[in-house]
Structure formats: structure tokens, C-alpha cells
Amino acid sequence: MELTANIIRDELVERCKLGDAQSYSTIYQQYAKAMYNTSLRIVNNRADAEDVLQEAFVDAFRSLNEFHYRSTFGAWLKRIVINKSINVLRKRKFDMVDIDESTIHLLPQEEPIDENEIQLKVEEVKTAIRRLPDGYRSVITLYLLEGYDHEEISEILGISHNTVRTQYVRAKQKLLHILKSGEAL
């Protein structure tokens, strides 16, 4: 038995492919806020997030004929936004150190933090995430908020799986430290 994928065509996308200006505007209105928020969580700068949003839509609209419904349009656009956001961070020259397995045991151990004790409001958590260094923030955002796994993040950022895992653990520890110390207030 042969398996075939069900390709669901998005009528709005198809009208854009035909050059319908109103459809472009409708798609922009439909996705702009979510894509802006995705970028803002990664780049942590409103002006950069706005730039990413505009560039992502320009690229997406220019490349519509390359969109073949292997995913939803929203997922395809989100990938463009994430890649452009990561490029902004790269331009800022954030450094992620590639750590091999043999050096992980040499990392200083912080005091264990009881995560169950920490119950904070969403705004405090968002503020704490914004206070993380670029590398930590990008990994934790892609993992926790965008739902990518470590392998996908490794591919997106162009770093090893071990580095992603280490950055995630450190980011989580740093985030918990910020939350527990009250620095997010």
C-alpha cells in the first residue's frame, strides 16, 4: 500500500500566488502579531523584531512559488522568522561555546533550586527570559516557547546537539536564578 500525503491548499496563499494584493494584506494581518512575538522572544529588541518581521514577509511573498504545502503556511513563515531572528543574533556576535561531553563534569555546580517552590506570574517569567544572554535566550525560547527539540535547534543555530543541551541547562539554571533572586521584578 502506498502512503500519500494529503496536501491541503490554502485558498488565501493561492490567491497571493496569483498576485491578489488584498490576499497579501489579509495574510499579513493574520500572521504579523504572532511572527513579531516569535522574533521578539528571540532577539529581545523591538526594532530588530520589527525589521525581522518585515524582511520575513518580503522574503515569504517573493518565494511563494517555492511554497509547496509540505507544512502549513504559518509553519513555513515561522521558520523564516526564526532563521532571520537567529541571523540578527549572529550579527550581534553572540558566542556559544561548543562543549564536548568530557568537560561537562568540570562545570561549576550551582546550588540546587527547588523548582516547585517558584510560582511566579507570566510577566515575571517573560521579563526574566528577556534578561538572559542572547545565546541562552535563543535556545530556551526555541525549546520552551516555540516547541523545537534539541536536534532541530542544533540545525537552526548551526551548533552541536551537545552545545544546545548544555546551553539549555545553563539557560534554565540562569532563568531560575533570576526568578528566585527577584531580579525579574
Protein backbone atom coordinates (compact mmCIF):
# COMPACT_ATOMS: atom_id res chain seq x y z
CA MET A 1 0.00 0.00 0.00
CA GLU A 2 1.41 3.40 -0.94
CA LEU A 3 1.15 6.25 1.51
CA THR A 4 0.30 9.65 0.14
CA ALA A 5 0.32 12.95 1.96
CA ASN A 6 -2.84 14.98 1.96
CA ILE A 7 -1.95 18.36 0.58
CA ILE A 8 -4.39 20.98 1.76
CA ARG A 9 -4.23 24.07 -0.38
CA ASP A 10 -4.72 27.38 1.35
CA GLU A 11 -7.02 29.50 -0.81
CA LEU A 12 -5.51 32.73 0.51
CA VAL A 13 -1.99 31.59 -0.36
CA GLU A 14 -3.13 30.52 -3.81
CA ARG A 15 -4.68 33.95 -4.42
CA CYS A 16 -1.38 35.55 -3.36
CA LYS A 17 0.44 33.35 -5.85
CA LEU A 18 -1.86 34.84 -8.49
CA GLY A 19 -0.90 38.36 -7.38
CA ASP A 20 -4.05 39.36 -5.47
CA ALA A 21 -2.99 42.40 -3.38
CA GLN A 22 -5.87 42.07 -0.90
CA SER A 23 -4.77 38.50 -0.11
CA TYR A 24 -1.26 39.70 0.71
CA SER A 25 -2.72 42.20 3.15
CA THR A 26 -5.01 39.58 4.71
CA ILE A 27 -2.14 37.12 5.23
CA TYR A 28 -0.03 39.87 6.76
CA GLN A 29 -2.84 40.80 9.17
CA GLN A 30 -3.39 37.14 10.03
CA TYR A 31 0.24 36.31 10.91
CA ALA A 32 2.04 39.57 11.76
CA LYS A 33 1.41 39.69 15.51
CA ALA A 34 2.38 36.06 16.17
CA MET A 35 5.50 36.32 13.99
CA TYR A 36 6.52 39.59 15.65
CA ASN A 37 6.17 37.99 19.09
CA THR A 38 8.20 34.96 17.99
CA SER A 39 11.00 37.22 16.79
CA LEU A 40 10.84 39.48 19.84
CA ARG A 41 11.26 36.49 22.17
CA ILE A 42 14.46 35.59 20.32
CA VAL A 43 16.07 38.97 19.54
CA ASN A 44 14.79 40.79 22.64
CA ASN A 45 14.67 44.13 20.83
CA ARG A 46 11.50 45.69 19.41
CA ALA A 47 13.20 47.45 16.49
CA ASP A 48 15.06 44.28 15.48
CA ALA A 49 11.86 42.24 15.77
CA GLU A 50 10.02 44.73 13.55
CA ASP A 51 12.83 44.54 10.97
CA VAL A 52 12.78 40.75 11.08
CA LEU A 53 9.01 40.76 10.61
CA GLN A 54 9.17 42.97 7.54
CA GLU A 55 12.08 41.08 5.98
CA ALA A 56 10.40 37.73 6.65
CA PHE A 57 7.19 38.78 4.92
CA VAL A 58 9.08 40.25 1.97
CA ASP A 59 11.06 37.01 1.58
CA ALA A 60 7.98 34.84 2.04
CA PHE A 61 5.95 36.79 -0.52
CA ARG A 62 8.84 36.74 -3.00
CA SER A 63 9.24 32.98 -2.51
CA LEU A 64 5.58 31.96 -2.55
CA ASN A 65 6.07 29.85 -5.66
CA GLU A 66 8.60 27.80 -3.68
CA PHE A 67 5.97 27.03 -1.01
CA HIS A 68 4.63 23.57 -1.85
CA TYR A 69 2.48 22.78 1.24
CA ARG A 70 4.97 20.45 2.90
CA SER A 71 3.83 22.26 6.05
CA THR A 72 1.26 24.91 6.79
CA PHE A 73 1.94 28.40 5.53
CA GLY A 74 2.19 29.60 9.15
CA ALA A 75 4.85 27.00 10.00
CA TRP A 76 6.80 27.89 6.85
CA LEU A 77 6.65 31.60 7.67
CA LYS A 78 7.61 30.94 11.30
CA ARG A 79 10.72 29.10 10.15
CA ILE A 80 11.69 32.14 8.05
CA VAL A 81 11.12 34.44 11.04
CA ILE A 82 13.18 32.22 13.35
CA ASN A 83 16.05 31.97 10.86
CA LYS A 84 16.08 35.75 10.37
CA SER A 85 15.96 36.29 14.15
CA ILE A 86 18.91 33.93 14.62
CA ASN A 87 20.79 35.88 11.94
CA VAL A 88 20.22 39.09 13.94
CA LEU A 89 21.76 37.39 16.97
CA ARG A 90 24.69 36.20 14.86
CA LYS A 91 25.28 39.75 13.74
CA ARG A 92 25.47 40.70 17.41
CA LYS A 93 28.16 38.04 17.61
CA PHE A 94 26.79 36.03 20.48
CA ASP A 95 29.13 33.22 21.34
CA MET A 96 28.08 29.70 22.11
CA VAL A 97 31.00 27.63 23.20
CA ASP A 98 31.00 24.07 21.87
CA ILE A 99 31.45 21.88 24.91
CA ASP A 100 32.19 18.24 24.47
CA GLU A 101 30.98 15.57 26.88
CA SER A 102 34.35 15.32 28.65
CA THR A 103 34.20 18.88 30.01
CA ILE A 104 30.63 18.90 31.28
CA HIS A 105 31.67 17.42 34.64
CA LEU A 106 34.12 20.35 35.08
CA LEU A 107 31.33 22.94 35.08
CA PRO A 108 30.79 24.59 38.45
CA GLN A 109 27.76 23.29 40.26
CA GLU A 110 25.24 25.82 41.47
CA GLU A 111 23.05 25.27 44.48
CA PRO A 112 20.07 23.12 43.58
CA ILE A 113 16.90 25.16 43.25
CA ASP A 114 13.54 23.66 44.13
CA GLU A 115 11.51 24.49 41.04
CA ASN A 116 8.24 23.59 42.77
CA GLU A 117 8.72 26.46 45.24
CA ILE A 118 8.87 29.03 42.48
CA GLN A 119 5.44 30.20 41.37
CA LEU A 120 5.56 33.46 39.50
CA LYS A 121 3.36 35.44 37.22
CA VAL A 122 3.78 35.19 33.46
CA GLU A 123 5.13 38.74 33.18
CA GLU A 124 7.91 37.98 35.64
CA VAL A 125 8.93 34.94 33.60
CA LYS A 126 8.88 36.96 30.36
CA THR A 127 11.00 39.66 31.98
CA ALA A 128 13.44 37.05 33.26
CA ILE A 129 13.74 35.49 29.80
CA ARG A 130 14.47 38.93 28.32
CA ARG A 131 17.32 39.32 30.85
CA LEU A 132 19.08 36.16 29.61
CA PRO A 133 22.13 36.50 27.34
CA ASP A 134 21.33 36.13 23.63
CA GLY A 135 22.59 32.55 23.33
CA TYR A 136 20.69 31.29 26.35
CA ARG A 137 17.54 33.20 25.39
CA SER A 138 17.52 31.86 21.83
CA VAL A 139 17.89 28.22 22.92
CA ILE A 140 15.33 28.41 25.72
CA THR A 141 12.86 30.31 23.52
CA LEU A 142 13.15 27.86 20.65
CA TYR A 143 12.78 24.89 23.03
CA LEU A 144 10.19 26.04 25.55
CA LEU A 145 8.14 28.61 23.66
CA GLU A 146 8.45 27.56 20.02
CA GLY A 147 8.41 23.80 20.63
CA TYR A 148 11.55 22.80 18.73
CA ASP A 149 13.54 19.81 20.01
CA HIS A 150 17.29 19.88 20.63
CA GLU A 151 18.12 18.36 17.23
CA GLU A 152 16.04 20.98 15.40
CA ILE A 153 17.61 23.78 17.43
CA SER A 154 21.04 22.38 16.66
CA GLU A 155 20.22 22.54 12.96
CA ILE A 156 18.69 26.04 13.15
CA LEU A 157 21.60 27.54 15.10
CA GLY A 158 24.33 25.55 13.37
CA ILE A 159 25.78 24.24 16.63
CA SER A 160 26.22 20.74 18.03
CA HIS A 161 23.47 18.89 19.83
CA ASN A 162 25.66 18.82 22.97
CA THR A 163 26.05 22.58 22.88
CA VAL A 164 22.28 23.02 22.59
CA ARG A 165 21.73 20.71 25.54
CA THR A 166 24.38 22.50 27.62
CA GLN A 167 23.08 25.95 26.68
CA TYR A 168 19.54 24.86 27.60
CA VAL A 169 20.60 23.53 31.02
CA ARG A 170 22.59 26.69 31.75
CA ALA A 171 19.79 28.93 30.48
CA LYS A 172 17.30 27.14 32.70
CA GLN A 173 19.58 27.49 35.72
CA LYS A 174 20.18 31.17 34.98
CA LEU A 175 16.45 31.75 34.45
CA LEU A 176 15.63 30.08 37.75
CA HIS A 177 18.33 32.14 39.48
CA ILE A 178 16.89 35.38 38.07
CA LEU A 179 13.40 34.38 39.14
CA LYS A 180 14.39 33.27 42.63
CA SER A 181 16.58 36.32 43.29
CA GLY A 182 13.80 38.70 42.28
CA GLU A 183 15.88 40.30 39.51
CA ALA A 184 12.90 39.96 37.15
CA LEU A 185 10.76 42.38 39.14
